[in-house]
Amino acid sequence: MTARDRAREVTDRERAIAAMDLENLRRIVGAAADRHDDVARAVRVAAARDTDDLAQLKAEIDRGLRTRRFLGCRESSAWAIDARPIVHEIRDAVASHSSAELVGLIERAIGHVVVSGRPSS
């Protein structure tokens, strides 16, 4: 698929979403969240973002960035893909509101990554 085809596909999808009523969108997002952990996480984080509640972001940081063990090359690649939306959410939180609580969450996230990345001896 070419870049132009991908762009057309995105545009078509955006038009289809814009044309849907709210009830259909809720049903589709709910079904997707039931089937896909990444969609469920995006829904949880978006809901928390709307209330400026950092507790949900903290839960996602703890759930998504902590590994509790050393990861090999293949596992670390999969972990990085799964962690990307959480890192983006942290970035977006910094842009929308900075606070001592958010700095603490960033430190917590870094701690999970640094500690998780060390092989146990």
PDB file of N, CA and C in Angstrom:
ATOM      1  N   MET A   1       0.849  -1.169   0.000  1.00  0.00           N
ATOM      2  CA  MET A   1       0.000   0.000   0.000  1.00  0.00           C
ATOM      3  C   MET A   1       0.900   1.240   0.000  1.00  0.00           C
ATOM      4  N   THR A   2       0.608   2.164  -0.854  1.00  0.00           N
ATOM      5  CA  THR A   2       1.415   3.373  -0.957  1.00  0.00           C
ATOM      6  C   THR A   2       0.995   4.387   0.105  1.00  0.00           C
ATOM      7  N   ALA A   3       1.824   5.392   0.283  1.00  0.00           N
ATOM      8  CA  ALA A   3       1.503   6.463   1.240  1.00  0.00           C
ATOM      9  C   ALA A   3       0.210   7.169   0.835  1.00  0.00           C
ATOM     10  N   ARG A   4       0.009   7.339  -0.453  1.00  0.00           N
ATOM     11  CA  ARG A   4      -1.223   7.987  -0.925  1.00  0.00           C
ATOM     12  C   ARG A   4      -2.446   7.128  -0.596  1.00  0.00           C
ATOM     13  N   ASP A   5      -2.325   5.800  -0.771  1.00  0.00           N
ATOM     14  CA  ASP A   5      -3.432   4.892  -0.441  1.00  0.00           C
ATOM     15  C   ASP A   5      -3.738   4.935   1.053  1.00  0.00           C
ATOM     16  N   ARG A   6      -2.682   4.959   1.878  1.00  0.00           N
ATOM     17  CA  ARG A   6      -2.893   5.032   3.332  1.00  0.00           C
ATOM     18  C   ARG A   6      -3.577   6.340   3.719  1.00  0.00           C
ATOM     19  N   ALA A   7      -3.146   7.429   3.115  1.00  0.00           N
ATOM     20  CA  ALA A   7      -3.752   8.733   3.402  1.00  0.00           C
ATOM     21  C   ALA A   7      -5.224   8.745   3.000  1.00  0.00           C
ATOM     22  N   ARG A   8      -5.533   8.157   1.860  1.00  0.00           N
ATOM     23  CA  ARG A   8      -6.921   8.083   1.395  1.00  0.00           C
ATOM     24  C   ARG A   8      -7.747   7.226   2.360  1.00  0.00           C
ATOM     25  N   GLU A   9      -7.160   6.125   2.824  1.00  0.00           N
ATOM     26  CA  GLU A   9      -7.862   5.251   3.764  1.00  0.00           C
ATOM     27  C   GLU A   9      -8.164   5.992   5.068  1.00  0.00           C
ATOM     28  N   VAL A  10      -7.198   6.749   5.559  1.00  0.00           N
ATOM     29  CA  VAL A  10      -7.404   7.532   6.789  1.00  0.00           C
ATOM     30  C   VAL A  10      -8.498   8.561   6.565  1.00  0.00           C
ATOM     31  N   THR A  11      -8.460   9.257   5.453  1.00  0.00           N
ATOM     32  CA  THR A  11      -9.474  10.267   5.151  1.00  0.00           C
ATOM     33  C   THR A  11     -10.856   9.632   5.063  1.00  0.00           C
ATOM     34  N   ASP A  12     -10.955   8.496   4.390  1.00  0.00           N
ATOM     35  CA  ASP A  12     -12.238   7.797   4.286  1.00  0.00           C
ATOM     36  C   ASP A  12     -12.751   7.386   5.660  1.00  0.00           C
ATOM     37  N   ARG A  13     -11.844   6.871   6.508  1.00  0.00           N
ATOM     38  CA  ARG A  13     -12.235   6.465   7.864  1.00  0.00           C
ATOM     39  C   ARG A  13     -12.700   7.674   8.664  1.00  0.00           C
ATOM     40  N   GLU A  14     -11.970   8.788   8.560  1.00  0.00           N
ATOM     41  CA  GLU A  14     -12.360   9.999   9.295  1.00  0.00           C
ATOM     42  C   GLU A  14     -13.731  10.495   8.853  1.00  0.00           C
ATOM     43  N   ARG A  15     -14.015  10.439   7.574  1.00  0.00           N
ATOM     44  CA  ARG A  15     -15.338  10.842   7.073  1.00  0.00           C
ATOM     45  C   ARG A  15     -16.432   9.925   7.612  1.00  0.00           C
ATOM     46  N   ALA A  16     -16.158   8.628   7.608  1.00  0.00           N
ATOM     47  CA  ALA A  16     -17.146   7.676   8.112  1.00  0.00           C
ATOM     48  C   ALA A  16     -17.426   7.917   9.591  1.00  0.00           C
ATOM     49  N   ILE A  17     -16.380   8.164  10.367  1.00  0.00           N
ATOM     50  CA  ILE A  17     -16.554   8.426  11.802  1.00  0.00           C
ATOM     51  C   ILE A  17     -17.339   9.716  12.013  1.00  0.00           C
ATOM     52  N   ALA A  18     -17.011  10.751  11.252  1.00  0.00           N
ATOM     53  CA  ALA A  18     -17.700  12.034  11.394  1.00  0.00           C
ATOM     54  C   ALA A  18     -19.191  11.914  11.072  1.00  0.00           C
ATOM     55  N   ALA A  19     -19.551  10.983  10.194  1.00  0.00           N
ATOM     56  CA  ALA A  19     -20.945  10.820   9.793  1.00  0.00           C
ATOM     57  C   ALA A  19     -21.757   9.983  10.782  1.00  0.00           C
ATOM     58  N   MET A  20     -21.093   9.278  11.701  1.00  0.00           N
ATOM     59  CA  MET A  20     -21.802   8.390  12.633  1.00  0.00           C
ATOM     60  C   MET A  20     -22.422   9.164  13.784  1.00  0.00           C
ATOM     61  N   ASP A  21     -23.536   8.618  14.290  1.00  0.00           N
ATOM     62  CA  ASP A  21     -24.126   9.232  15.475  1.00  0.00           C
ATOM     63  C   ASP A  21     -23.402   8.726  16.722  1.00  0.00           C
ATOM     64  N   LEU A  22     -23.563   9.435  17.812  1.00  0.00           N
ATOM     65  CA  LEU A  22     -22.828   9.156  19.047  1.00  0.00           C
ATOM     66  C   LEU A  22     -23.092   7.749  19.585  1.00  0.00           C
ATOM     67  N   GLU A  23     -24.312   7.279  19.478  1.00  0.00           N
ATOM     68  CA  GLU A  23     -24.639   5.942  19.998  1.00  0.00           C
ATOM     69  C   GLU A  23     -23.879   4.850  19.235  1.00  0.00           C
ATOM     70  N   ASN A  24     -23.795   4.962  17.924  1.00  0.00           N
ATOM     71  CA  ASN A  24     -23.032   3.989  17.144  1.00  0.00           C
ATOM     72  C   ASN A  24     -21.556   4.033  17.510  1.00  0.00           C
ATOM     73  N   LEU A  25     -21.003   5.234  17.661  1.00  0.00           N
ATOM     74  CA  LEU A  25     -19.594   5.355  18.040  1.00  0.00           C
ATOM     75  C   LEU A  25     -19.341   4.710  19.396  1.00  0.00           C
ATOM     76  N   ARG A  26     -20.233   4.945  20.354  1.00  0.00           N
ATOM     77  CA  ARG A  26     -20.075   4.331  21.685  1.00  0.00           C
ATOM     78  C   ARG A  26     -20.098   2.811  21.594  1.00  0.00           C
ATOM     79  N   ARG A  27     -21.003   2.286  20.797  1.00  0.00           N
ATOM     80  CA  ARG A  27     -21.114   0.834  20.649  1.00  0.00           C
ATOM     81  C   ARG A  27     -19.848   0.254  20.018  1.00  0.00           C
ATOM     82  N   ILE A  28     -19.345   0.890  18.983  1.00  0.00           N
ATOM     83  CA  ILE A  28     -18.155   0.406  18.290  1.00  0.00           C
ATOM     84  C   ILE A  28     -16.914   0.504  19.181  1.00  0.00           C
ATOM     85  N   VAL A  29     -16.755   1.630  19.858  1.00  0.00           N
ATOM     86  CA  VAL A  29     -15.596   1.793  20.745  1.00  0.00           C
ATOM     87  C   VAL A  29     -15.677   0.803  21.903  1.00  0.00           C
ATOM     88  N   GLY A  30     -16.856   0.604  22.443  1.00  0.00           N
ATOM     89  CA  GLY A  30     -17.019  -0.370  23.525  1.00  0.00           C
ATOM     90  C   GLY A  30     -16.664  -1.778  23.081  1.00  0.00           C
ATOM     91  N   ALA A  31     -17.129  -2.165  21.909  1.00  0.00           N
ATOM     92  CA  ALA A  31     -16.813  -3.498  21.390  1.00  0.00           C
ATOM     93  C   ALA A  31     -15.312  -3.633  21.120  1.00  0.00           C
ATOM     94  N   ALA A  32     -14.700  -2.596  20.572  1.00  0.00           N
ATOM     95  CA  ALA A  32     -13.253  -2.640  20.308  1.00  0.00           C
ATOM     96  C   ALA A  32     -12.474  -2.716  21.615  1.00  0.00           C
ATOM     97  N   ALA A  33     -12.920  -1.999  22.633  1.00  0.00           N
ATOM     98  CA  ALA A  33     -12.247  -2.041  23.941  1.00  0.00           C
ATOM     99  C   ALA A  33     -12.363  -3.422  24.570  1.00  0.00           C
ATOM    100  N   ASP A  34     -13.482  -4.095  24.356  1.00  0.00           N
ATOM    101  CA  ASP A  34     -13.643  -5.465  24.871  1.00  0.00           C
ATOM    102  C   ASP A  34     -12.668  -6.430  24.209  1.00  0.00           C
ATOM    103  N   ARG A  35     -12.334  -6.202  22.949  1.00  0.00           N
ATOM    104  CA  ARG A  35     -11.473  -7.114  22.199  1.00  0.00           C
ATOM    105  C   ARG A  35     -10.000  -6.749  22.218  1.00  0.00           C
ATOM    106  N   HIS A  36      -9.678  -5.489  22.480  1.00  0.00           N
ATOM    107  CA  HIS A  36      -8.294  -5.031  22.348  1.00  0.00           C
ATOM    108  C   HIS A  36      -7.860  -4.240  23.583  1.00  0.00           C
ATOM    109  N   ASP A  37      -6.827  -4.722  24.248  1.00  0.00           N
ATOM    110  CA  ASP A  37      -6.331  -4.054  25.453  1.00  0.00           C
ATOM    111  C   ASP A  37      -5.867  -2.638  25.189  1.00  0.00           C
ATOM    112  N   ASP A  38      -5.256  -2.388  24.036  1.00  0.00           N
ATOM    113  CA  ASP A  38      -4.773  -1.039  23.751  1.00  0.00           C
ATOM    114  C   ASP A  38      -5.925  -0.056  23.594  1.00  0.00           C
ATOM    115  N   VAL A  39      -7.038  -0.497  23.031  1.00  0.00           N
ATOM    116  CA  VAL A  39      -8.215   0.373  22.903  1.00  0.00           C
ATOM    117  C   VAL A  39      -8.815   0.613  24.286  1.00  0.00           C
ATOM    118  N   ALA A  40      -8.896  -0.426  25.106  1.00  0.00           N
ATOM    119  CA  ALA A  40      -9.420  -0.265  26.466  1.00  0.00           C
ATOM    120  C   ALA A  40      -8.572   0.734  27.254  1.00  0.00           C
ATOM    121  N   ARG A  41      -7.249   0.640  27.118  1.00  0.00           N
ATOM    122  CA  ARG A  41      -6.364   1.573  27.799  1.00  0.00           C
ATOM    123  C   ARG A  41      -6.599   2.993  27.292  1.00  0.00           C
ATOM    124  N   ALA A  42      -6.736   3.166  25.997  1.00  0.00           N
ATOM    125  CA  ALA A  42      -6.965   4.494  25.424  1.00  0.00           C
ATOM    126  C   ALA A  42      -8.274   5.091  25.938  1.00  0.00           C
ATOM    127  N   VAL A  43      -9.301   4.265  26.077  1.00  0.00           N
ATOM    128  CA  VAL A  43     -10.587   4.739  26.608  1.00  0.00           C
ATOM    129  C   VAL A  43     -10.432   5.166  28.066  1.00  0.00           C
ATOM    130  N   ARG A  44      -9.760   4.336  28.875  1.00  0.00           N
ATOM    131  CA  ARG A  44      -9.570   4.676  30.296  1.00  0.00           C
ATOM    132  C   ARG A  44      -8.795   5.978  30.450  1.00  0.00           C
ATOM    133  N   VAL A  45      -7.722   6.112  29.699  1.00  0.00           N
ATOM    134  CA  VAL A  45      -6.871   7.298  29.820  1.00  0.00           C
ATOM    135  C   VAL A  45      -7.594   8.537  29.306  1.00  0.00           C
ATOM    136  N   ALA A  46      -8.328   8.415  28.205  1.00  0.00           N
ATOM    137  CA  ALA A  46      -9.068   9.559  27.671  1.00  0.00           C
ATOM    138  C   ALA A  46     -10.138  10.020  28.664  1.00  0.00           C
ATOM    139  N   ALA A  47     -10.810   9.075  29.294  1.00  0.00           N
ATOM    140  CA  ALA A  47     -11.828   9.435  30.281  1.00  0.00           C
ATOM    141  C   ALA A  47     -11.197  10.160  31.462  1.00  0.00           C
ATOM    142  N   ALA A  48     -10.054   9.696  31.908  1.00  0.00           N
ATOM    143  CA  ALA A  48      -9.359  10.349  33.022  1.00  0.00           C
ATOM    144  C   ALA A  48      -8.839  11.716  32.602  1.00  0.00           C
ATOM    145  N   ARG A  49      -8.368  11.848  31.368  1.00  0.00           N
ATOM    146  CA  ARG A  49      -7.852  13.123  30.862  1.00  0.00           C
ATOM    147  C   ARG A  49      -8.940  14.188  30.914  1.00  0.00           C
ATOM    148  N   ASP A  50     -10.154  13.804  30.596  1.00  0.00           N
ATOM    149  CA  ASP A  50     -11.257  14.759  30.587  1.00  0.00           C
ATOM    150  C   ASP A  50     -11.557  15.302  31.984  1.00  0.00           C
ATOM    151  N   THR A  51     -11.169  14.567  33.022  1.00  0.00           N
ATOM    152  CA  THR A  51     -11.421  15.022  34.393  1.00  0.00           C
ATOM    153  C   THR A  51     -10.160  15.547  35.067  1.00  0.00           C
ATOM    154  N   ASP A  52      -9.029  15.570  34.352  1.00  0.00           N
ATOM    155  CA  ASP A  52      -7.733  15.985  34.917  1.00  0.00           C
ATOM    156  C   ASP A  52      -7.337  15.130  36.116  1.00  0.00           C
ATOM    157  N   ASP A  53      -7.790  13.887  36.155  1.00  0.00           N
ATOM    158  CA  ASP A  53      -7.456  12.970  37.239  1.00  0.00           C
ATOM    159  C   ASP A  53      -6.220  12.179  36.838  1.00  0.00           C
ATOM    160  N   LEU A  54      -5.125  12.364  37.570  1.00  0.00           N
ATOM    161  CA  LEU A  54      -3.881  11.674  37.239  1.00  0.00           C
ATOM    162  C   LEU A  54      -3.822  10.259  37.820  1.00  0.00           C
ATOM    163  N   ALA A  55      -4.815   9.871  38.603  1.00  0.00           N
ATOM    164  CA  ALA A  55      -4.821   8.529  39.190  1.00  0.00           C
ATOM    165  C   ALA A  55      -4.868   7.455  38.106  1.00  0.00           C
ATOM    166  N   GLN A  56      -5.646   7.690  37.052  1.00  0.00           N
ATOM    167  CA  GLN A  56      -5.728   6.703  35.974  1.00  0.00           C
ATOM    168  C   GLN A  56      -4.414   6.631  35.207  1.00  0.00           C
ATOM    169  N   LEU A  57      -3.778   7.778  34.989  1.00  0.00           N
ATOM    170  CA  LEU A  57      -2.478   7.777  34.322  1.00  0.00           C
ATOM    171  C   LEU A  57      -1.467   7.020  35.174  1.00  0.00           C
ATOM    172  N   LYS A  58      -1.508   7.206  36.471  1.00  0.00           N
ATOM    173  CA  LYS A  58      -0.615   6.466  37.378  1.00  0.00           C
ATOM    174  C   LYS A  58      -0.854   4.963  37.244  1.00  0.00           C
ATOM    175  N   ALA A  59      -2.116   4.567  37.209  1.00  0.00           N
ATOM    176  CA  ALA A  59      -2.439   3.134  37.069  1.00  0.00           C
ATOM    177  C   ALA A  59      -1.913   2.587  35.747  1.00  0.00           C
ATOM    178  N   GLU A  60      -2.038   3.362  34.669  1.00  0.00           N
ATOM    179  CA  GLU A  60      -1.537   2.915  33.371  1.00  0.00           C
ATOM    180  C   GLU A  60      -0.012   2.842  33.358  1.00  0.00           C
ATOM    181  N   ILE A  61       0.639   3.789  34.018  1.00  0.00           N
ATOM    182  CA  ILE A  61       2.101   3.759  34.135  1.00  0.00           C
ATOM    183  C   ILE A  61       2.527   2.490  34.866  1.00  0.00           C
ATOM    184  N   ASP A  62       1.865   2.200  35.983  1.00  0.00           N
ATOM    185  CA  ASP A  62       2.216   1.004  36.753  1.00  0.00           C
ATOM    186  C   ASP A  62       1.903  -0.277  35.984  1.00  0.00           C
ATOM    187  N   ARG A  63       0.785  -0.291  35.299  1.00  0.00           N
ATOM    188  CA  ARG A  63       0.367  -1.494  34.566  1.00  0.00           C
ATOM    189  C   ARG A  63       1.196  -1.692  33.295  1.00  0.00           C
ATOM    190  N   GLY A  64       1.518  -0.607  32.605  1.00  0.00           N
ATOM    191  CA  GLY A  64       2.119  -0.738  31.294  1.00  0.00           C
ATOM    192  C   GLY A  64       3.625  -0.603  31.221  1.00  0.00           C
ATOM    193  N   LEU A  65       4.241   0.005  32.236  1.00  0.00           N
ATOM    194  CA  LEU A  65       5.683   0.216  32.154  1.00  0.00           C
ATOM    195  C   LEU A  65       6.482  -0.707  33.067  1.00  0.00           C
ATOM    196  N   ARG A  66       5.860  -1.265  34.064  1.00  0.00           N
ATOM    197  CA  ARG A  66       6.563  -2.155  34.990  1.00  0.00           C
ATOM    198  C   ARG A  66       6.570  -3.570  34.419  1.00  0.00           C
ATOM    199  N   THR A  67       7.747  -4.175  34.368  1.00  0.00           N
ATOM    200  CA  THR A  67       7.837  -5.531  33.823  1.00  0.00           C
ATOM    201  C   THR A  67       8.139  -6.591  34.875  1.00  0.00           C
ATOM    202  N   ARG A  68       8.780  -6.197  35.973  1.00  0.00           N
ATOM    203  CA  ARG A  68       9.136  -7.094  37.081  1.00  0.00           C
ATOM    204  C   ARG A  68      10.233  -8.104  36.735  1.00  0.00           C
ATOM    205  N   ARG A  69      10.775  -8.035  35.513  1.00  0.00           N
ATOM    206  CA  ARG A  69      11.847  -8.961  35.146  1.00  0.00           C
ATOM    207  C   ARG A  69      12.601  -8.413  33.942  1.00  0.00           C
ATOM    208  N   PHE A  70      13.756  -8.994  33.690  1.00  0.00           N
ATOM    209  CA  PHE A  70      14.546  -8.608  32.532  1.00  0.00           C
ATOM    210  C   PHE A  70      13.853  -9.097  31.268  1.00  0.00           C
ATOM    211  N   LEU A  71      13.856  -8.258  30.241  1.00  0.00           N
ATOM    212  CA  LEU A  71      13.252  -8.631  28.969  1.00  0.00           C
ATOM    213  C   LEU A  71      14.339  -8.829  27.922  1.00  0.00           C
ATOM    214  N   GLY A  72      14.229  -9.895  27.178  1.00  0.00           N
ATOM    215  CA  GLY A  72      15.139 -10.124  26.065  1.00  0.00           C
ATOM    216  C   GLY A  72      14.792  -9.220  24.900  1.00  0.00           C
ATOM    217  N   CYS A  73      15.512  -9.366  23.818  1.00  0.00           N
ATOM    218  CA  CYS A  73      15.365  -8.481  22.661  1.00  0.00           C
ATOM    219  C   CYS A  73      13.936  -8.498  22.106  1.00  0.00           C
ATOM    220  N   ARG A  74      13.399  -9.663  21.828  1.00  0.00           N
ATOM    221  CA  ARG A  74      12.051  -9.767  21.259  1.00  0.00           C
ATOM    222  C   ARG A  74      11.002  -9.242  22.234  1.00  0.00           C
ATOM    223  N   GLU A  75      11.132  -9.618  23.500  1.00  0.00           N
ATOM    224  CA  GLU A  75      10.174  -9.154  24.497  1.00  0.00           C
ATOM    225  C   GLU A  75      10.246  -7.639  24.685  1.00  0.00           C
ATOM    226  N   SER A  76      11.464  -7.090  24.656  1.00  0.00           N
ATOM    227  CA  SER A  76      11.595  -5.646  24.864  1.00  0.00           C
ATOM    228  C   SER A  76      11.002  -4.866  23.688  1.00  0.00           C
ATOM    229  N   SER A  77      11.069  -5.410  22.488  1.00  0.00           N
ATOM    230  CA  SER A  77      10.444  -4.751  21.338  1.00  0.00           C
ATOM    231  C   SER A  77       8.930  -4.709  21.495  1.00  0.00           C
ATOM    232  N   ALA A  78       8.348  -5.814  21.905  1.00  0.00           N
ATOM    233  CA  ALA A  78       6.896  -5.858  22.125  1.00  0.00           C
ATOM    234  C   ALA A  78       6.507  -4.919  23.270  1.00  0.00           C
ATOM    235  N   TRP A  79       7.320  -4.897  24.333  1.00  0.00           N
ATOM    236  CA  TRP A  79       7.055  -4.007  25.467  1.00  0.00           C
ATOM    237  C   TRP A  79       7.080  -2.550  24.999  1.00  0.00           C
ATOM    238  N   ALA A  80       8.055  -2.186  24.162  1.00  0.00           N
ATOM    239  CA  ALA A  80       8.172  -0.807  23.684  1.00  0.00           C
ATOM    240  C   ALA A  80       6.950  -0.394  22.873  1.00  0.00           C
ATOM    241  N   ILE A  81       6.448  -1.301  22.063  1.00  0.00           N
ATOM    242  CA  ILE A  81       5.245  -1.002  21.271  1.00  0.00           C
ATOM    243  C   ILE A  81       4.055  -0.767  22.200  1.00  0.00           C
ATOM    244  N   ASP A  82       3.920  -1.609  23.226  1.00  0.00           N
ATOM    245  CA  ASP A  82       2.821  -1.460  24.175  1.00  0.00           C
ATOM    246  C   ASP A  82       2.967  -0.210  25.034  1.00  0.00           C
ATOM    247  N   ALA A  83       4.211   0.190  25.309  1.00  0.00           N
ATOM    248  CA  ALA A  83       4.470   1.347  26.181  1.00  0.00           C
ATOM    249  C   ALA A  83       4.269   2.674  25.460  1.00  0.00           C
ATOM    250  N   ARG A  84       4.382   2.673  24.153  1.00  0.00           N
ATOM    251  CA  ARG A  84       4.322   3.931  23.387  1.00  0.00           C
ATOM    252  C   ARG A  84       3.088   4.776  23.708  1.00  0.00           C
ATOM    253  N   PRO A  85       1.869   4.215  23.752  1.00  0.00           N
ATOM    254  CA  PRO A  85       0.706   5.069  24.044  1.00  0.00           C
ATOM    255  C   PRO A  85       0.770   5.692  25.444  1.00  0.00           C
ATOM    256  N   ILE A  86       1.363   4.992  26.388  1.00  0.00           N
ATOM    257  CA  ILE A  86       1.486   5.538  27.740  1.00  0.00           C
ATOM    258  C   ILE A  86       2.460   6.707  27.746  1.00  0.00           C
ATOM    259  N   VAL A  87       3.566   6.550  27.049  1.00  0.00           N
ATOM    260  CA  VAL A  87       4.552   7.633  26.945  1.00  0.00           C
ATOM    261  C   VAL A  87       3.920   8.842  26.257  1.00  0.00           C
ATOM    262  N   HIS A  88       3.137   8.618  25.223  1.00  0.00           N
ATOM    263  CA  HIS A  88       2.461   9.723  24.538  1.00  0.00           C
ATOM    264  C   HIS A  88       1.466  10.407  25.469  1.00  0.00           C
ATOM    265  N   GLU A  89       0.797   9.629  26.284  1.00  0.00           N
ATOM    266  CA  GLU A  89      -0.156  10.215  27.227  1.00  0.00           C
ATOM    267  C   GLU A  89       0.566  11.075  28.263  1.00  0.00           C
ATOM    268  N   ILE A  90       1.729  10.631  28.707  1.00  0.00           N
ATOM    269  CA  ILE A  90       2.531  11.443  29.632  1.00  0.00           C
ATOM    270  C   ILE A  90       2.907  12.756  28.947  1.00  0.00           C
ATOM    271  N   ARG A  91       3.369  12.665  27.715  1.00  0.00           N
ATOM    272  CA  ARG A  91       3.728  13.878  26.952  1.00  0.00           C
ATOM    273  C   ARG A  91       2.537  14.822  26.853  1.00  0.00           C
ATOM    274  N   ASP A  92       1.362  14.295  26.552  1.00  0.00           N
ATOM    275  CA  ASP A  92       0.173  15.132  26.428  1.00  0.00           C
ATOM    276  C   ASP A  92      -0.224  15.748  27.767  1.00  0.00           C
ATOM    277  N   ALA A  93      -0.032  14.993  28.840  1.00  0.00           N
ATOM    278  CA  ALA A  93      -0.345  15.521  30.172  1.00  0.00           C
ATOM    279  C   ALA A  93       0.565  16.698  30.518  1.00  0.00           C
ATOM    280  N   VAL A  94       1.825  16.599  30.141  1.00  0.00           N
ATOM    281  CA  VAL A  94       2.768  17.702  30.388  1.00  0.00           C
ATOM    282  C   VAL A  94       2.320  18.952  29.630  1.00  0.00           C
ATOM    283  N   ALA A  95       1.855  18.759  28.404  1.00  0.00           N
ATOM    284  CA  ALA A  95       1.421  19.896  27.589  1.00  0.00           C
ATOM    285  C   ALA A  95       0.163  20.553  28.146  1.00  0.00           C
ATOM    286  N   SER A  96      -0.707  19.764  28.757  1.00  0.00           N
ATOM    287  CA  SER A  96      -1.981  20.312  29.225  1.00  0.00           C
ATOM    288  C   SER A  96      -1.910  20.880  30.632  1.00  0.00           C
ATOM    289  N   HIS A  97      -1.127  20.285  31.492  1.00  0.00           N
ATOM    290  CA  HIS A  97      -0.996  20.826  32.848  1.00  0.00           C
ATOM    291  C   HIS A  97       0.223  20.210  33.530  1.00  0.00           C
ATOM    292  N   SER A  98       1.056  21.070  34.024  1.00  0.00           N
ATOM    293  CA  SER A  98       2.208  20.552  34.756  1.00  0.00           C
ATOM    294  C   SER A  98       1.963  20.804  36.239  1.00  0.00           C
ATOM    295  N   SER A  99       2.385  19.854  37.041  1.00  0.00           N
ATOM    296  CA  SER A  99       2.196  19.953  38.481  1.00  0.00           C
ATOM    297  C   SER A  99       3.228  19.070  39.166  1.00  0.00           C
ATOM    298  N   ALA A 100       3.367  19.270  40.446  1.00  0.00           N
ATOM    299  CA  ALA A 100       4.286  18.425  41.216  1.00  0.00           C
ATOM    300  C   ALA A 100       3.846  16.966  41.130  1.00  0.00           C
ATOM    301  N   GLU A 101       2.547  16.726  41.113  1.00  0.00           N
ATOM    302  CA  GLU A 101       2.028  15.353  41.014  1.00  0.00           C
ATOM    303  C   GLU A 101       2.439  14.716  39.689  1.00  0.00           C
ATOM    304  N   LEU A 102       2.363  15.480  38.610  1.00  0.00           N
ATOM    305  CA  LEU A 102       2.757  14.960  37.304  1.00  0.00           C
ATOM    306  C   LEU A 102       4.252  14.688  37.250  1.00  0.00           C
ATOM    307  N   VAL A 103       5.056  15.562  37.836  1.00  0.00           N
ATOM    308  CA  VAL A 103       6.504  15.324  37.899  1.00  0.00           C
ATOM    309  C   VAL A 103       6.773  14.017  38.644  1.00  0.00           C
ATOM    310  N   GLY A 104       6.052  13.776  39.723  1.00  0.00           N
ATOM    311  CA  GLY A 104       6.193  12.518  40.456  1.00  0.00           C
ATOM    312  C   GLY A 104       5.838  11.314  39.601  1.00  0.00           C
ATOM    313  N   LEU A 105       4.795  11.446  38.772  1.00  0.00           N
ATOM    314  CA  LEU A 105       4.419  10.338  37.885  1.00  0.00           C
ATOM    315  C   LEU A 105       5.486  10.091  36.824  1.00  0.00           C
ATOM    316  N   ILE A 106       6.075  11.159  36.322  1.00  0.00           N
ATOM    317  CA  ILE A 106       7.150  11.000  35.336  1.00  0.00           C
ATOM    318  C   ILE A 106       8.337  10.289  35.973  1.00  0.00           C
ATOM    319  N   GLU A 107       8.680  10.687  37.183  1.00  0.00           N
ATOM    320  CA  GLU A 107       9.773  10.014  37.902  1.00  0.00           C
ATOM    321  C   GLU A 107       9.437   8.547  38.134  1.00  0.00           C
ATOM    322  N   ARG A 108       8.194   8.277  38.454  1.00  0.00           N
ATOM    323  CA  ARG A 108       7.750   6.886  38.668  1.00  0.00           C
ATOM    324  C   ARG A 108       7.901   6.084  37.377  1.00  0.00           C
ATOM    325  N   ALA A 109       7.475   6.667  36.251  1.00  0.00           N
ATOM    326  CA  ALA A 109       7.578   5.997  34.952  1.00  0.00           C
ATOM    327  C   ALA A 109       9.032   5.701  34.615  1.00  0.00           C
ATOM    328  N   ILE A 110       9.894   6.687  34.817  1.00  0.00           N
ATOM    329  CA  ILE A 110      11.315   6.485  34.541  1.00  0.00           C
ATOM    330  C   ILE A 110      11.872   5.389  35.436  1.00  0.00           C
ATOM    331  N   GLY A 111      11.464   5.382  36.687  1.00  0.00           N
ATOM    332  CA  GLY A 111      11.912   4.341  37.615  1.00  0.00           C
ATOM    333  C   GLY A 111      11.517   2.951  37.149  1.00  0.00           C
ATOM    334  N   HIS A 112      10.311   2.812  36.628  1.00  0.00           N
ATOM    335  CA  HIS A 112       9.873   1.507  36.114  1.00  0.00           C
ATOM    336  C   HIS A 112      10.737   1.073  34.934  1.00  0.00           C
ATOM    337  N   VAL A 113      11.018   2.007  34.043  1.00  0.00           N
ATOM    338  CA  VAL A 113      11.788   1.675  32.852  1.00  0.00           C
ATOM    339  C   VAL A 113      13.236   1.338  33.212  1.00  0.00           C
ATOM    340  N   VAL A 114      13.835   2.151  34.054  1.00  0.00           N
ATOM    341  CA  VAL A 114      15.246   1.941  34.416  1.00  0.00           C
ATOM    342  C   VAL A 114      15.404   0.665  35.226  1.00  0.00           C
ATOM    343  N   VAL A 115      14.581   0.471  36.228  1.00  0.00           N
ATOM    344  CA  VAL A 115      14.677  -0.732  37.066  1.00  0.00           C
ATOM    345  C   VAL A 115      14.310  -1.961  36.255  1.00  0.00           C
ATOM    346  N   SER A 116      13.292  -1.853  35.395  1.00  0.00           N
ATOM    347  CA  SER A 116      12.859  -2.993  34.601  1.00  0.00           C
ATOM    348  C   SER A 116      13.908  -3.400  33.576  1.00  0.00           C
ATOM    349  N   GLY A 117      14.739  -2.467  33.165  1.00  0.00           N
ATOM    350  CA  GLY A 117      15.704  -2.756  32.118  1.00  0.00           C
ATOM    351  C   GLY A 117      16.968  -3.451  32.604  1.00  0.00           C
ATOM    352  N   ARG A 118      17.121  -3.625  33.899  1.00  0.00           N
ATOM    353  CA  ARG A 118      18.344  -4.254  34.420  1.00  0.00           C
ATOM    354  C   ARG A 118      18.141  -5.751  34.603  1.00  0.00           C
ATOM    355  N   PRO A 119      19.089  -6.553  34.117  1.00  0.00           N
ATOM    356  CA  PRO A 119      18.987  -8.004  34.362  1.00  0.00           C
ATOM    357  C   PRO A 119      19.227  -8.279  35.834  1.00  0.00           C
ATOM    358  N   SER A 120      18.524  -9.251  36.359  1.00  0.00           N
ATOM    359  CA  SER A 120      18.727  -9.614  37.766  1.00  0.00           C
ATOM    360  C   SER A 120      20.006 -10.430  37.891  1.00  0.00           C
ATOM    361  N   SER A 121      20.693 -10.256  39.033  1.00  0.00           N
ATOM    362  CA  SER A 121      21.961 -10.990  39.205  1.00  0.00           C
ATOM    363  C   SER A 121      21.799 -12.181  40.103  1.00  0.00           C
TER     364      SER A 121
END
